[in-house]
Amino acid sequence: MGWLFRDINEDSTEATLRKMHRADVVDNLYLKTSAWVKVIIFSTLAVFITSFLESRTDYSVWESTVDWALVKLRRIVGLE
């Protein structure tokens, strides 16, 4: 007899609920894992695409970002 249902005839219901819970846990784990795999793949792809574009042109994302941040900081501080 299980802990959830006190009637001996309800053991099958408890077993079914336990199996449903286990299936839900596996499903959630699969979804989280597949999401992280997608994040890693697309982030790596974005890095390679950005690196390729920077190597083919004179444009640098890093320098543009730093320049933009310095301009914003100077405006905040009042140097411009």
C-alpha atoms as a PDB file:
ATOM      1  CA  MET A   1       0.000   0.000   0.000  1.00  0.00           C
ATOM      2  CA  GLY A   2       1.323   3.413  -0.935  1.00  0.00           C
ATOM      3  CA  TRP A   3       1.758   6.598   1.005  1.00  0.00           C
ATOM      4  CA  LEU A   4      -0.583   8.694  -1.157  1.00  0.00           C
ATOM      5  CA  PHE A   5      -3.648   6.486  -1.242  1.00  0.00           C
ATOM      6  CA  ARG A   6      -4.605   4.447   1.826  1.00  0.00           C
ATOM      7  CA  ASP A   7      -6.857   1.965   0.063  1.00  0.00           C
ATOM      8  CA  ILE A   8      -5.096  -1.137  -1.257  1.00  0.00           C
ATOM      9  CA  ASN A   9      -7.035  -0.839  -4.520  1.00  0.00           C
ATOM     10  CA  GLU A  10      -5.556   2.597  -5.192  1.00  0.00           C
ATOM     11  CA  ASP A  11      -1.928   1.421  -5.591  1.00  0.00           C
ATOM     12  CA  SER A  12      -2.313   1.390  -9.368  1.00  0.00           C
ATOM     13  CA  THR A  13      -3.379   5.048  -9.289  1.00  0.00           C
ATOM     14  CA  GLU A  14      -0.345   5.970  -7.223  1.00  0.00           C
ATOM     15  CA  ALA A  15       1.935   4.058  -9.567  1.00  0.00           C
ATOM     16  CA  THR A  16       0.386   5.843 -12.536  1.00  0.00           C
ATOM     17  CA  LEU A  17       0.931   9.232 -10.888  1.00  0.00           C
ATOM     18  CA  ARG A  18       4.527   8.310 -10.092  1.00  0.00           C
ATOM     19  CA  LYS A  19       5.151   7.321 -13.727  1.00  0.00           C
ATOM     20  CA  MET A  20       3.517  10.539 -14.963  1.00  0.00           C
ATOM     21  CA  HIS A  21       5.743  12.572 -12.641  1.00  0.00           C
ATOM     22  CA  ARG A  22       8.856  10.765 -13.841  1.00  0.00           C
ATOM     23  CA  ALA A  23       7.838  11.354 -17.478  1.00  0.00           C
ATOM     24  CA  ASP A  24       7.296  15.052 -16.721  1.00  0.00           C
ATOM     25  CA  VAL A  25      10.745  15.321 -15.115  1.00  0.00           C
ATOM     26  CA  VAL A  26      12.376  13.652 -18.127  1.00  0.00           C
ATOM     27  CA  ASP A  27      10.453  15.923 -20.497  1.00  0.00           C
ATOM     28  CA  ASN A  28      11.530  19.061 -18.615  1.00  0.00           C
ATOM     29  CA  LEU A  29      15.145  17.878 -18.571  1.00  0.00           C
ATOM     30  CA  TYR A  30      15.014  17.254 -22.322  1.00  0.00           C
ATOM     31  CA  LEU A  31      13.570  20.710 -23.006  1.00  0.00           C
ATOM     32  CA  LYS A  32      16.154  22.493 -20.844  1.00  0.00           C
ATOM     33  CA  THR A  33      19.020  20.515 -22.355  1.00  0.00           C
ATOM     34  CA  SER A  34      17.893  21.128 -25.919  1.00  0.00           C
ATOM     35  CA  ALA A  35      17.505  24.838 -25.176  1.00  0.00           C
ATOM     36  CA  TRP A  36      21.073  25.077 -23.826  1.00  0.00           C
ATOM     37  CA  VAL A  37      22.416  23.170 -26.825  1.00  0.00           C
ATOM     38  CA  LYS A  38      20.677  25.639 -29.143  1.00  0.00           C
ATOM     39  CA  VAL A  39      22.118  28.586 -27.193  1.00  0.00           C
ATOM     40  CA  ILE A  40      25.643  27.191 -27.461  1.00  0.00           C
ATOM     41  CA  ILE A  41      25.323  26.384 -31.172  1.00  0.00           C
ATOM     42  CA  PHE A  42      23.834  29.758 -32.159  1.00  0.00           C
ATOM     43  CA  SER A  43      26.269  31.715 -29.974  1.00  0.00           C
ATOM     44  CA  THR A  44      29.218  29.936 -31.543  1.00  0.00           C
ATOM     45  CA  LEU A  45      27.754  30.514 -34.986  1.00  0.00           C
ATOM     46  CA  ALA A  46      27.299  34.231 -34.235  1.00  0.00           C
ATOM     47  CA  VAL A  47      30.924  34.513 -33.093  1.00  0.00           C
ATOM     48  CA  PHE A  48      32.212  32.873 -36.264  1.00  0.00           C
ATOM     49  CA  ILE A  49      29.996  35.001 -38.526  1.00  0.00           C
ATOM     50  CA  THR A  50      31.065  38.198 -36.758  1.00  0.00           C
ATOM     51  CA  SER A  51      34.714  37.183 -36.969  1.00  0.00           C
ATOM     52  CA  PHE A  52      34.375  36.400 -40.672  1.00  0.00           C
ATOM     53  CA  LEU A  53      32.702  39.731 -41.418  1.00  0.00           C
ATOM     54  CA  GLU A  54      35.344  41.629 -39.452  1.00  0.00           C
ATOM     55  CA  SER A  55      38.131  39.859 -41.342  1.00  0.00           C
ATOM     56  CA  ARG A  56      36.600  40.772 -44.723  1.00  0.00           C
ATOM     57  CA  THR A  57      35.936  44.452 -43.924  1.00  0.00           C
ATOM     58  CA  ASP A  58      37.577  47.279 -41.986  1.00  0.00           C
ATOM     59  CA  TYR A  59      34.690  47.355 -39.525  1.00  0.00           C
ATOM     60  CA  SER A  60      35.376  46.212 -35.958  1.00  0.00           C
ATOM     61  CA  VAL A  61      32.470  45.485 -33.648  1.00  0.00           C
ATOM     62  CA  TRP A  62      34.709  45.705 -30.580  1.00  0.00           C
ATOM     63  CA  GLU A  63      36.140  49.117 -31.474  1.00  0.00           C
ATOM     64  CA  SER A  64      32.701  50.458 -32.381  1.00  0.00           C
ATOM     65  CA  THR A  65      31.258  49.245 -29.087  1.00  0.00           C
ATOM     66  CA  VAL A  66      34.109  50.764 -27.070  1.00  0.00           C
ATOM     67  CA  ASP A  67      33.835  54.055 -28.972  1.00  0.00           C
ATOM     68  CA  TRP A  68      30.080  54.169 -28.394  1.00  0.00           C
ATOM     69  CA  ALA A  69      30.517  53.461 -24.667  1.00  0.00           C
ATOM     70  CA  LEU A  70      33.191  56.150 -24.323  1.00  0.00           C
ATOM     71  CA  VAL A  71      30.971  58.741 -26.011  1.00  0.00           C
ATOM     72  CA  LYS A  72      28.076  57.848 -23.684  1.00  0.00           C
ATOM     73  CA  LEU A  73      30.359  58.002 -20.643  1.00  0.00           C
ATOM     74  CA  ARG A  74      31.746  61.382 -21.665  1.00  0.00           C
ATOM     75  CA  ARG A  75      28.212  62.740 -22.107  1.00  0.00           C
ATOM     76  CA  ILE A  76      27.220  61.451 -18.668  1.00  0.00           C
ATOM     77  CA  VAL A  77      30.316  62.920 -17.023  1.00  0.00           C
ATOM     78  CA  GLY A  78      29.981  66.154 -18.986  1.00  0.00           C
ATOM     79  CA  LEU A  79      33.269  66.176 -20.886  1.00  0.00           C
ATOM     80  CA  GLU A  80      31.573  66.654 -24.260  1.00  0.00           C
END
